[in-house]
Amino acid sequence: MRKFYLMLAFLVLGVYLGSCESSKKEKFNGTLLEQPAYDFELKTAGDRKVKLSDFRGKLVFIFFGYTHCPDVCPAALQNLAKMMNQLDKEEQEQVQVIMISVDPERDTPEVADKYAKFFNPNFLGLSGSEEEIKKVTKEYKAFYKKVEGQSASGYLVDHTAYIYLIDKSGNLKLIYSSSKQKPELMAEDVKKLLED
């Protein structure tokens, strides 16, 4: 009988410790992923090569968009700009926002970077060849497709509207769907991750 009570005590202790451990896990506003992020290399203004690993030690927000986008891209980049404004100067210095163009035909590295900087002077716009963009979007499971003749600019690009958050160690930590791209929620997650 004593063995039974001893085993029961260990079982209860195990359940208690397990519940304590799970309660320590932080809750985030984005969808938690925790997997290595693909280390792409693309170009920004001045034909300067940029790799994701250049920003190791910072939090990196990545958004796939394009400069002729009528609505989704400006809204997402505006939300990221507002998110940055909710951080203090020291926090802002530890965050990098990158827009990767899914329209390399029209968005040269210069054009993509100028567009990103319109929302915040510290944002980066990147572009590359069609093959490079296909490779990066495939690695991040992002979708894009040219849609002919639906705009004054000649065509639109249907694309994934997620915002990806890479942690300081280079891991894809969180994804924000359109409904979760609220500046205050993303800023809250940034503050939590910077405390770690």
N, C-alpha and C. Protein backbone atom coordinates (compact mmCIF):
# COMPACT_ATOMS: atom_id res chain seq x y z
N MET A 1 0.82 -1.20 0.00
CA MET A 1 0.00 0.00 0.00
C MET A 1 0.86 1.26 0.00
N ARG A 2 1.97 1.16 0.73
CA ARG A 2 2.86 2.32 0.81
C ARG A 2 3.42 2.66 -0.57
N LYS A 3 3.77 1.59 -1.35
CA LYS A 3 4.29 1.80 -2.70
C LYS A 3 3.26 2.51 -3.56
N PHE A 4 1.99 2.14 -3.38
CA PHE A 4 0.92 2.75 -4.15
C PHE A 4 0.86 4.26 -3.88
N TYR A 5 0.90 4.65 -2.60
CA TYR A 5 0.84 6.07 -2.25
C TYR A 5 2.07 6.82 -2.73
N LEU A 6 3.22 6.15 -2.70
CA LEU A 6 4.46 6.76 -3.17
C LEU A 6 4.37 7.02 -4.68
N MET A 7 3.87 6.03 -5.40
CA MET A 7 3.71 6.19 -6.85
C MET A 7 2.69 7.28 -7.15
N LEU A 8 1.62 7.34 -6.40
CA LEU A 8 0.60 8.36 -6.58
C LEU A 8 1.17 9.75 -6.33
N ALA A 9 2.01 9.87 -5.27
CA ALA A 9 2.64 11.16 -4.96
C ALA A 9 3.54 11.60 -6.10
N PHE A 10 4.33 10.67 -6.67
CA PHE A 10 5.21 11.01 -7.80
C PHE A 10 4.39 11.42 -9.03
N LEU A 11 3.27 10.73 -9.22
CA LEU A 11 2.41 11.05 -10.35
C LEU A 11 1.84 12.46 -10.21
N VAL A 12 1.34 12.79 -9.04
CA VAL A 12 0.79 14.12 -8.77
C VAL A 12 1.87 15.18 -8.94
N LEU A 13 3.08 14.91 -8.41
CA LEU A 13 4.20 15.84 -8.54
C LEU A 13 4.56 16.06 -10.01
N GLY A 14 4.56 14.98 -10.79
CA GLY A 14 4.87 15.09 -12.22
C GLY A 14 3.86 15.95 -12.95
N VAL A 15 2.58 15.75 -12.65
CA VAL A 15 1.52 16.55 -13.28
C VAL A 15 1.67 18.01 -12.88
N TYR A 16 1.98 18.27 -11.60
CA TYR A 16 2.14 19.64 -11.10
C TYR A 16 3.31 20.33 -11.80
N LEU A 17 4.46 19.64 -11.86
CA LEU A 17 5.64 20.24 -12.50
C LEU A 17 5.39 20.49 -13.98
N GLY A 18 4.68 19.57 -14.62
CA GLY A 18 4.34 19.76 -16.03
C GLY A 18 3.46 20.97 -16.25
N SER A 19 2.50 21.18 -15.34
CA SER A 19 1.61 22.34 -15.49
C SER A 19 2.36 23.63 -15.20
N CYS A 20 3.33 23.58 -14.27
CA CYS A 20 4.15 24.78 -14.00
C CYS A 20 4.98 25.13 -15.22
N GLU A 21 5.55 24.11 -15.86
CA GLU A 21 6.39 24.33 -17.04
C GLU A 21 5.57 24.94 -18.17
N SER A 22 4.35 24.40 -18.41
CA SER A 22 3.54 24.92 -19.51
C SER A 22 3.04 26.33 -19.21
N SER A 23 2.87 26.67 -17.94
CA SER A 23 2.42 28.02 -17.62
C SER A 23 3.54 29.04 -17.79
N LYS A 24 4.81 28.55 -17.79
CA LYS A 24 5.94 29.45 -18.00
C LYS A 24 6.08 29.84 -19.47
N LYS A 25 5.54 29.02 -20.39
CA LYS A 25 5.65 29.33 -21.81
C LYS A 25 4.92 30.62 -22.10
N GLU A 26 5.61 31.52 -22.80
CA GLU A 26 5.00 32.81 -23.10
C GLU A 26 3.93 32.68 -24.17
N LYS A 27 2.92 33.50 -24.03
CA LYS A 27 1.87 33.55 -25.03
C LYS A 27 2.20 34.69 -25.98
N PHE A 28 2.13 34.41 -27.28
CA PHE A 28 2.41 35.41 -28.29
C PHE A 28 1.15 35.69 -29.10
N ASN A 29 1.13 36.85 -29.74
CA ASN A 29 -0.02 37.25 -30.54
C ASN A 29 0.01 36.67 -31.94
N GLY A 30 1.21 36.40 -32.45
CA GLY A 30 1.35 35.75 -33.75
C GLY A 30 1.28 34.24 -33.57
N THR A 31 1.25 33.52 -34.69
CA THR A 31 1.25 32.06 -34.66
C THR A 31 2.68 31.57 -34.45
N LEU A 32 2.90 30.79 -33.40
CA LEU A 32 4.23 30.32 -33.01
C LEU A 32 4.70 29.20 -33.94
N LEU A 33 5.95 29.32 -34.44
CA LEU A 33 6.48 28.31 -35.34
C LEU A 33 7.75 27.64 -34.80
N GLU A 34 8.78 28.43 -34.47
CA GLU A 34 10.03 27.87 -33.95
C GLU A 34 10.72 26.91 -34.92
N GLN A 35 11.22 27.44 -36.04
CA GLN A 35 11.99 26.64 -36.98
C GLN A 35 13.05 27.52 -37.62
N PRO A 36 14.15 26.93 -38.09
CA PRO A 36 15.21 27.75 -38.70
C PRO A 36 14.67 28.52 -39.91
N ALA A 37 15.07 29.78 -40.03
CA ALA A 37 14.64 30.61 -41.15
C ALA A 37 15.65 30.49 -42.29
N TYR A 38 15.15 30.48 -43.50
CA TYR A 38 16.00 30.40 -44.69
C TYR A 38 16.84 31.68 -44.80
N ASP A 39 18.15 31.51 -44.95
CA ASP A 39 19.08 32.65 -45.03
C ASP A 39 19.25 33.08 -46.49
N PHE A 40 18.34 33.93 -46.95
CA PHE A 40 18.37 34.40 -48.33
C PHE A 40 19.47 35.45 -48.54
N GLU A 41 19.79 35.70 -49.81
CA GLU A 41 20.65 36.82 -50.18
C GLU A 41 20.01 37.51 -51.37
N LEU A 42 19.62 38.78 -51.18
CA LEU A 42 19.00 39.58 -52.23
C LEU A 42 19.70 40.94 -52.27
N LYS A 43 19.17 41.86 -53.08
CA LYS A 43 19.82 43.18 -53.22
C LYS A 43 18.90 44.31 -52.80
N THR A 44 19.53 45.38 -52.30
CA THR A 44 18.83 46.60 -51.96
C THR A 44 19.44 47.73 -52.79
N ALA A 45 19.08 48.97 -52.49
CA ALA A 45 19.56 50.12 -53.25
C ALA A 45 21.09 50.12 -53.34
N GLY A 46 21.60 50.60 -54.48
CA GLY A 46 23.05 50.62 -54.68
C GLY A 46 23.60 49.25 -55.03
N ASP A 47 22.72 48.33 -55.38
CA ASP A 47 23.11 46.94 -55.71
C ASP A 47 23.83 46.26 -54.55
N ARG A 48 23.55 46.72 -53.33
CA ARG A 48 24.19 46.13 -52.15
C ARG A 48 23.52 44.81 -51.81
N LYS A 49 24.33 43.78 -51.62
CA LYS A 49 23.81 42.46 -51.26
C LYS A 49 23.44 42.44 -49.77
N VAL A 50 22.31 41.84 -49.48
CA VAL A 50 21.82 41.75 -48.11
C VAL A 50 21.43 40.30 -47.84
N LYS A 51 21.93 39.76 -46.72
CA LYS A 51 21.56 38.41 -46.29
C LYS A 51 20.78 38.52 -44.98
N LEU A 52 19.89 37.58 -44.76
CA LEU A 52 19.16 37.56 -43.49
C LEU A 52 20.14 37.48 -42.32
N SER A 53 21.18 36.68 -42.46
CA SER A 53 22.15 36.49 -41.37
C SER A 53 22.93 37.77 -41.03
N ASP A 54 22.86 38.79 -41.90
CA ASP A 54 23.48 40.09 -41.58
C ASP A 54 22.84 40.71 -40.34
N PHE A 55 21.63 40.27 -40.02
CA PHE A 55 20.87 40.87 -38.92
C PHE A 55 20.79 39.97 -37.69
N ARG A 56 21.67 38.97 -37.62
CA ARG A 56 21.69 38.08 -36.44
C ARG A 56 21.89 38.94 -35.20
N GLY A 57 21.11 38.67 -34.16
CA GLY A 57 21.16 39.48 -32.95
C GLY A 57 20.04 40.52 -32.91
N LYS A 58 19.31 40.65 -34.02
CA LYS A 58 18.15 41.54 -34.08
C LYS A 58 16.90 40.71 -34.38
N LEU A 59 15.75 41.30 -34.11
CA LEU A 59 14.49 40.72 -34.56
C LEU A 59 14.24 41.25 -35.97
N VAL A 60 13.82 40.39 -36.88
CA VAL A 60 13.60 40.79 -38.27
C VAL A 60 12.17 40.47 -38.68
N PHE A 61 11.45 41.50 -39.13
CA PHE A 61 10.12 41.31 -39.71
C PHE A 61 10.29 41.25 -41.22
N ILE A 62 9.71 40.23 -41.86
CA ILE A 62 9.77 40.09 -43.31
C ILE A 62 8.35 40.12 -43.87
N PHE A 63 8.19 40.93 -44.91
CA PHE A 63 6.89 40.99 -45.60
C PHE A 63 7.15 40.86 -47.10
N PHE A 64 6.39 39.98 -47.76
CA PHE A 64 6.49 39.84 -49.22
C PHE A 64 5.42 40.72 -49.85
N GLY A 65 5.84 41.69 -50.65
CA GLY A 65 4.89 42.60 -51.27
C GLY A 65 5.44 43.17 -52.56
N TYR A 66 4.82 44.26 -53.02
CA TYR A 66 5.33 44.92 -54.23
C TYR A 66 4.84 46.35 -54.27
N THR A 67 5.53 47.20 -55.03
CA THR A 67 5.31 48.64 -54.96
C THR A 67 4.02 49.09 -55.66
N HIS A 68 3.48 48.31 -56.57
CA HIS A 68 2.24 48.69 -57.26
C HIS A 68 1.00 48.14 -56.56
N CYS A 69 1.18 47.54 -55.40
CA CYS A 69 0.07 46.94 -54.66
C CYS A 69 -0.91 48.03 -54.22
N PRO A 70 -2.19 47.87 -54.51
CA PRO A 70 -3.15 48.94 -54.20
C PRO A 70 -3.60 49.02 -52.74
N ASP A 71 -3.49 47.93 -51.98
CA ASP A 71 -4.08 47.97 -50.64
C ASP A 71 -3.35 47.17 -49.56
N VAL A 72 -3.13 45.88 -49.79
CA VAL A 72 -2.58 44.99 -48.76
C VAL A 72 -1.18 45.43 -48.31
N CYS A 73 -0.31 45.72 -49.26
CA CYS A 73 1.08 46.08 -48.93
C CYS A 73 1.17 47.40 -48.16
N PRO A 74 0.52 48.47 -48.65
CA PRO A 74 0.58 49.70 -47.86
C PRO A 74 0.03 49.54 -46.45
N ALA A 75 -1.05 48.74 -46.31
CA ALA A 75 -1.64 48.53 -44.97
C ALA A 75 -0.67 47.79 -44.06
N ALA A 76 -0.04 46.73 -44.57
CA ALA A 76 0.90 45.95 -43.75
C ALA A 76 2.12 46.78 -43.35
N LEU A 77 2.68 47.51 -44.31
CA LEU A 77 3.86 48.33 -44.00
C LEU A 77 3.52 49.50 -43.07
N GLN A 78 2.32 50.04 -43.21
CA GLN A 78 1.87 51.09 -42.28
C GLN A 78 1.74 50.53 -40.86
N ASN A 79 1.21 49.31 -40.74
CA ASN A 79 1.10 48.67 -39.42
C ASN A 79 2.48 48.42 -38.82
N LEU A 80 3.44 48.02 -39.65
CA LEU A 80 4.81 47.81 -39.16
C LEU A 80 5.45 49.13 -38.73
N ALA A 81 5.17 50.21 -39.47
CA ALA A 81 5.69 51.53 -39.09
C ALA A 81 5.09 51.98 -37.75
N LYS A 82 3.79 51.75 -37.58
CA LYS A 82 3.14 52.11 -36.31
C LYS A 82 3.68 51.26 -35.16
N MET A 83 3.96 49.99 -35.46
CA MET A 83 4.54 49.10 -34.45
C MET A 83 5.89 49.65 -33.99
N MET A 84 6.72 50.09 -34.94
CA MET A 84 8.04 50.65 -34.60
C MET A 84 7.89 51.88 -33.70
N ASN A 85 6.86 52.68 -33.96
CA ASN A 85 6.63 53.90 -33.16
C ASN A 85 6.23 53.58 -31.72
N GLN A 86 5.80 52.36 -31.46
CA GLN A 86 5.43 51.97 -30.10
C GLN A 86 6.63 51.44 -29.31
N LEU A 87 7.78 51.35 -29.97
CA LEU A 87 9.00 50.89 -29.30
C LEU A 87 9.86 52.09 -28.94
N ASP A 88 10.63 51.96 -27.85
CA ASP A 88 11.56 53.06 -27.55
C ASP A 88 12.77 52.95 -28.47
N LYS A 89 13.64 53.96 -28.42
CA LYS A 89 14.77 54.03 -29.36
C LYS A 89 15.67 52.81 -29.27
N GLU A 90 15.94 52.36 -28.06
CA GLU A 90 16.81 51.19 -27.86
C GLU A 90 16.19 49.93 -28.46
N GLU A 91 14.87 49.78 -28.29
CA GLU A 91 14.17 48.62 -28.86
C GLU A 91 14.16 48.69 -30.39
N GLN A 92 13.92 49.90 -30.93
CA GLN A 92 13.90 50.07 -32.38
C GLN A 92 15.22 49.66 -33.02
N GLU A 93 16.32 49.94 -32.34
CA GLU A 93 17.64 49.61 -32.87
C GLU A 93 17.88 48.10 -32.95
N GLN A 94 17.03 47.33 -32.27
CA GLN A 94 17.16 45.87 -32.27
C GLN A 94 16.15 45.18 -33.18
N VAL A 95 15.48 45.98 -34.03
CA VAL A 95 14.46 45.46 -34.93
C VAL A 95 14.74 45.93 -36.36
N GLN A 96 14.63 45.03 -37.31
CA GLN A 96 14.77 45.38 -38.73
C GLN A 96 13.54 44.90 -39.48
N VAL A 97 12.95 45.78 -40.28
CA VAL A 97 11.82 45.42 -41.14
C VAL A 97 12.31 45.34 -42.58
N ILE A 98 11.96 44.24 -43.25
CA ILE A 98 12.38 44.01 -44.64
C ILE A 98 11.16 43.69 -45.49
N MET A 99 11.02 44.41 -46.61
CA MET A 99 10.01 44.06 -47.60
C MET A 99 10.74 43.41 -48.77
N ILE A 100 10.33 42.20 -49.13
CA ILE A 100 10.90 41.50 -50.28
C ILE A 100 9.88 41.58 -51.42
N SER A 101 10.29 42.16 -52.55
CA SER A 101 9.37 42.32 -53.66
C SER A 101 9.08 41.00 -54.36
N VAL A 102 7.79 40.80 -54.67
CA VAL A 102 7.37 39.64 -55.45
C VAL A 102 7.07 40.08 -56.89
N ASP A 103 7.59 41.25 -57.25
CA ASP A 103 7.41 41.80 -58.60
C ASP A 103 8.77 42.28 -59.13
N PRO A 104 9.73 41.36 -59.28
CA PRO A 104 11.08 41.78 -59.69
C PRO A 104 11.12 42.40 -61.08
N GLU A 105 10.10 42.16 -61.88
CA GLU A 105 10.03 42.75 -63.22
C GLU A 105 9.98 44.27 -63.15
N ARG A 106 9.22 44.81 -62.20
CA ARG A 106 9.09 46.27 -62.05
C ARG A 106 9.87 46.81 -60.86
N ASP A 107 10.03 46.00 -59.84
CA ASP A 107 10.69 46.48 -58.61
C ASP A 107 12.17 46.13 -58.61
N THR A 108 12.97 47.06 -59.09
CA THR A 108 14.42 46.91 -58.96
C THR A 108 14.77 47.04 -57.49
N PRO A 109 15.99 46.70 -57.08
CA PRO A 109 16.39 46.92 -55.69
C PRO A 109 16.21 48.38 -55.25
N GLU A 110 16.51 49.33 -56.15
CA GLU A 110 16.34 50.77 -55.83
C GLU A 110 14.89 51.11 -55.56
N VAL A 111 14.01 50.65 -56.45
CA VAL A 111 12.58 50.94 -56.34
C VAL A 111 11.99 50.32 -55.07
N ALA A 112 12.33 49.05 -54.80
CA ALA A 112 11.81 48.36 -53.61
C ALA A 112 12.27 49.05 -52.34
N ASP A 113 13.53 49.46 -52.30
CA ASP A 113 14.05 50.10 -51.09
C ASP A 113 13.44 51.48 -50.87
N LYS A 114 13.28 52.24 -51.95
CA LYS A 114 12.66 53.57 -51.82
C LYS A 114 11.23 53.45 -51.29
N TYR A 115 10.52 52.45 -51.79
CA TYR A 115 9.13 52.22 -51.36
C TYR A 115 9.08 51.87 -49.86
N ALA A 116 9.93 50.94 -49.43
CA ALA A 116 9.95 50.54 -48.02
C ALA A 116 10.29 51.72 -47.12
N LYS A 117 11.25 52.52 -47.55
CA LYS A 117 11.69 53.67 -46.75
C LYS A 117 10.65 54.79 -46.67
N PHE A 118 9.69 54.78 -47.58
CA PHE A 118 8.60 55.74 -47.51
C PHE A 118 7.83 55.56 -46.20
N PHE A 119 7.73 54.32 -45.72
CA PHE A 119 6.98 54.03 -44.49
C PHE A 119 7.83 54.26 -43.24
N ASN A 120 9.12 54.00 -43.34
CA ASN A 120 10.06 54.23 -42.23
C ASN A 120 11.46 54.25 -42.83
N PRO A 121 12.25 55.28 -42.53
CA PRO A 121 13.58 55.39 -43.15
C PRO A 121 14.52 54.22 -42.83
N ASN A 122 14.21 53.44 -41.80
CA ASN A 122 15.07 52.30 -41.45
C ASN A 122 14.61 50.98 -42.08
N PHE A 123 13.46 50.99 -42.74
CA PHE A 123 13.00 49.78 -43.42
C PHE A 123 13.89 49.52 -44.63
N LEU A 124 13.97 48.26 -45.01
CA LEU A 124 14.75 47.86 -46.19
C LEU A 124 13.83 47.22 -47.22
N GLY A 125 14.03 47.59 -48.48
CA GLY A 125 13.33 46.93 -49.57
C GLY A 125 14.34 46.11 -50.35
N LEU A 126 13.99 44.86 -50.64
CA LEU A 126 14.90 43.97 -51.36
C LEU A 126 14.23 43.41 -52.60
N SER A 127 15.06 43.12 -53.60
CA SER A 127 14.58 42.48 -54.82
C SER A 127 15.69 41.58 -55.35
N GLY A 128 15.39 40.91 -56.44
CA GLY A 128 16.36 40.01 -57.04
C GLY A 128 15.84 39.51 -58.36
N SER A 129 16.44 38.47 -58.89
CA SER A 129 15.96 37.88 -60.13
C SER A 129 14.69 37.08 -59.85
N GLU A 130 13.98 36.75 -60.90
CA GLU A 130 12.76 35.94 -60.75
C GLU A 130 13.07 34.63 -60.05
N GLU A 131 14.21 34.01 -60.40
CA GLU A 131 14.61 32.73 -59.80
C GLU A 131 14.88 32.89 -58.30
N GLU A 132 15.58 33.98 -57.95
CA GLU A 132 15.90 34.22 -56.53
C GLU A 132 14.63 34.44 -55.71
N ILE A 133 13.70 35.21 -56.26
CA ILE A 133 12.44 35.48 -55.54
C ILE A 133 11.62 34.19 -55.39
N LYS A 134 11.59 33.38 -56.45
CA LYS A 134 10.88 32.10 -56.37
C LYS A 134 11.47 31.22 -55.27
N LYS A 135 12.79 31.19 -55.18
CA LYS A 135 13.47 30.36 -54.17
C LYS A 135 13.11 30.83 -52.76
N VAL A 136 13.18 32.15 -52.52
CA VAL A 136 12.89 32.69 -51.18
C VAL A 136 11.43 32.44 -50.81
N THR A 137 10.51 32.73 -51.73
CA THR A 137 9.09 32.53 -51.40
C THR A 137 8.78 31.05 -51.16
N LYS A 138 9.43 30.18 -51.90
CA LYS A 138 9.22 28.74 -51.68
C LYS A 138 9.68 28.33 -50.29
N GLU A 139 10.83 28.83 -49.88
CA GLU A 139 11.38 28.49 -48.55
C GLU A 139 10.48 28.98 -47.42
N TYR A 140 9.83 30.13 -47.65
CA TYR A 140 8.94 30.69 -46.61
C TYR A 140 7.48 30.30 -46.83
N LYS A 141 7.26 29.41 -47.81
CA LYS A 141 5.91 28.94 -48.14
C LYS A 141 4.96 30.11 -48.41
N ALA A 142 5.50 31.11 -49.11
CA ALA A 142 4.71 32.26 -49.52
C ALA A 142 4.30 32.07 -50.98
N PHE A 143 3.14 32.59 -51.33
CA PHE A 143 2.58 32.42 -52.67
C PHE A 143 2.56 33.77 -53.38
N TYR A 144 2.83 33.77 -54.68
CA TYR A 144 2.57 34.96 -55.50
C TYR A 144 2.32 34.55 -56.95
N LYS A 145 1.50 35.34 -57.62
CA LYS A 145 1.15 35.03 -59.01
C LYS A 145 0.71 36.31 -59.70
N LYS A 146 1.29 36.55 -60.88
CA LYS A 146 0.93 37.71 -61.67
C LYS A 146 -0.48 37.54 -62.23
N VAL A 147 -1.29 38.61 -62.15
CA VAL A 147 -2.65 38.61 -62.68
C VAL A 147 -2.73 39.71 -63.73
N GLU A 148 -2.86 39.33 -64.98
CA GLU A 148 -2.79 40.29 -66.09
C GLU A 148 -4.01 41.19 -66.20
N GLY A 149 -3.74 42.42 -66.65
CA GLY A 149 -4.76 43.35 -67.11
C GLY A 149 -5.81 43.82 -66.12
N GLN A 150 -5.50 43.87 -64.83
CA GLN A 150 -6.51 44.31 -63.87
C GLN A 150 -6.16 45.63 -63.19
N SER A 151 -5.20 46.35 -63.77
CA SER A 151 -4.77 47.58 -63.13
C SER A 151 -4.25 48.54 -64.19
N ALA A 152 -4.26 49.83 -63.88
CA ALA A 152 -3.72 50.85 -64.79
C ALA A 152 -2.23 50.61 -65.02
N SER A 153 -1.56 49.98 -64.07
CA SER A 153 -0.13 49.71 -64.20
C SER A 153 0.15 48.46 -65.02
N GLY A 154 -0.90 47.82 -65.55
CA GLY A 154 -0.70 46.68 -66.43
C GLY A 154 -1.06 45.34 -65.82
N TYR A 155 -0.64 45.09 -64.61
CA TYR A 155 -0.98 43.83 -63.94
C TYR A 155 -0.88 44.00 -62.43
N LEU A 156 -1.53 43.10 -61.73
CA LEU A 156 -1.43 43.02 -60.27
C LEU A 156 -0.70 41.73 -59.92
N VAL A 157 -0.33 41.59 -58.67
CA VAL A 157 0.29 40.35 -58.21
C VAL A 157 -0.48 39.87 -56.98
N ASP A 158 -1.13 38.72 -57.11
CA ASP A 158 -1.75 38.10 -55.94
C ASP A 158 -0.63 37.52 -55.10
N HIS A 159 -0.69 37.72 -53.79
CA HIS A 159 0.41 37.22 -52.95
C HIS A 159 -0.03 36.99 -51.52
N THR A 160 0.76 36.17 -50.84
CA THR A 160 0.56 35.91 -49.42
C THR A 160 0.74 37.22 -48.65
N ALA A 161 -0.13 37.46 -47.70
CA ALA A 161 -0.08 38.73 -46.96
C ALA A 161 0.44 38.56 -45.53
N TYR A 162 1.18 37.48 -45.27
CA TYR A 162 1.70 37.25 -43.92
C TYR A 162 2.89 38.16 -43.62
N ILE A 163 3.07 38.43 -42.33
CA ILE A 163 4.29 39.06 -41.84
C ILE A 163 5.00 37.99 -41.01
N TYR A 164 6.28 37.79 -41.30
CA TYR A 164 7.09 36.78 -40.63
C TYR A 164 8.03 37.46 -39.64
N LEU A 165 8.17 36.90 -38.45
CA LEU A 165 9.09 37.44 -37.45
C LEU A 165 10.19 36.42 -37.19
N ILE A 166 11.43 36.85 -37.47
CA ILE A 166 12.61 36.01 -37.24
C ILE A 166 13.25 36.46 -35.92
N ASP A 167 13.58 35.51 -35.05
CA ASP A 167 14.16 35.89 -33.76
C ASP A 167 15.65 36.20 -33.87
N LYS A 168 16.26 36.59 -32.75
CA LYS A 168 17.66 37.03 -32.74
C LYS A 168 18.64 35.93 -33.12
N SER A 169 18.21 34.67 -33.01
CA SER A 169 19.07 33.54 -33.35
C SER A 169 18.89 33.07 -34.79
N GLY A 170 18.01 33.74 -35.53
CA GLY A 170 17.80 33.37 -36.93
C GLY A 170 16.73 32.31 -37.12
N ASN A 171 15.83 32.17 -36.15
CA ASN A 171 14.74 31.20 -36.27
C ASN A 171 13.43 31.91 -36.63
N LEU A 172 12.66 31.28 -37.49
CA LEU A 172 11.33 31.79 -37.82
C LEU A 172 10.45 31.53 -36.60
N LYS A 173 10.14 32.59 -35.89
CA LYS A 173 9.47 32.48 -34.59
C LYS A 173 7.95 32.60 -34.70
N LEU A 174 7.48 33.65 -35.39
CA LEU A 174 6.05 33.95 -35.44
C LEU A 174 5.61 34.34 -36.85
N ILE A 175 4.35 34.05 -37.15
CA ILE A 175 3.73 34.52 -38.39
C ILE A 175 2.46 35.28 -38.00
N TYR A 176 2.27 36.43 -38.66
CA TYR A 176 1.07 37.24 -38.42
C TYR A 176 0.22 37.23 -39.68
N SER A 177 -0.98 36.66 -39.57
CA SER A 177 -1.94 36.74 -40.68
C SER A 177 -2.50 38.17 -40.68
N SER A 178 -3.23 38.51 -41.72
CA SER A 178 -3.77 39.88 -41.85
C SER A 178 -4.54 40.32 -40.62
N SER A 179 -5.32 39.42 -40.04
CA SER A 179 -6.15 39.79 -38.87
C SER A 179 -5.32 40.04 -37.61
N LYS A 180 -4.06 39.55 -37.60
CA LYS A 180 -3.21 39.73 -36.41
C LYS A 180 -2.16 40.82 -36.59
N GLN A 181 -2.21 41.54 -37.71
CA GLN A 181 -1.20 42.56 -37.98
C GLN A 181 -1.57 43.89 -37.34
N LYS A 182 -1.73 43.83 -36.03
CA LYS A 182 -2.08 45.03 -35.27
C LYS A 182 -0.80 45.56 -34.61
N PRO A 183 -0.50 46.83 -34.79
CA PRO A 183 0.76 47.39 -34.28
C PRO A 183 1.02 47.10 -32.80
N GLU A 184 -0.02 47.25 -31.98
CA GLU A 184 0.17 47.06 -30.54
C GLU A 184 0.47 45.60 -30.19
N LEU A 185 -0.12 44.66 -30.93
CA LEU A 185 0.13 43.24 -30.67
C LEU A 185 1.54 42.83 -31.10
N MET A 186 1.97 43.33 -32.26
CA MET A 186 3.31 43.01 -32.72
C MET A 186 4.36 43.65 -31.80
N ALA A 187 4.10 44.87 -31.35
CA ALA A 187 5.02 45.55 -30.43
C ALA A 187 5.13 44.79 -29.11
N GLU A 188 4.01 44.26 -28.65
CA GLU A 188 3.99 43.48 -27.41
C GLU A 188 4.89 42.24 -27.55
N ASP A 189 4.80 41.56 -28.69
CA ASP A 189 5.64 40.39 -28.94
C ASP A 189 7.11 40.78 -29.02
N VAL A 190 7.39 41.89 -29.66
CA VAL A 190 8.79 42.37 -29.77
C VAL A 190 9.36 42.58 -28.38
N LYS A 191 8.63 43.25 -27.53
CA LYS A 191 9.13 43.53 -26.17
C LYS A 191 9.40 42.24 -25.40
N LYS A 192 8.52 41.25 -25.55
CA LYS A 192 8.72 39.96 -24.89
C LYS A 192 9.99 39.29 -25.39
N LEU A 193 10.18 39.29 -26.70
CA LEU A 193 11.34 38.61 -27.30
C LEU A 193 12.64 39.33 -26.98
N LEU A 194 12.60 40.63 -26.86
CA LEU A 194 13.82 41.38 -26.53
C LEU A 194 14.23 41.19 -25.08
N GLU A 195 13.29 40.81 -24.23
CA GLU A 195 13.61 40.54 -22.82
C GLU A 195 14.34 39.23 -22.65
N ASP A 196 14.16 38.29 -23.59
CA ASP A 196 14.79 36.97 -23.48
C ASP A 196 16.31 37.05 -23.63
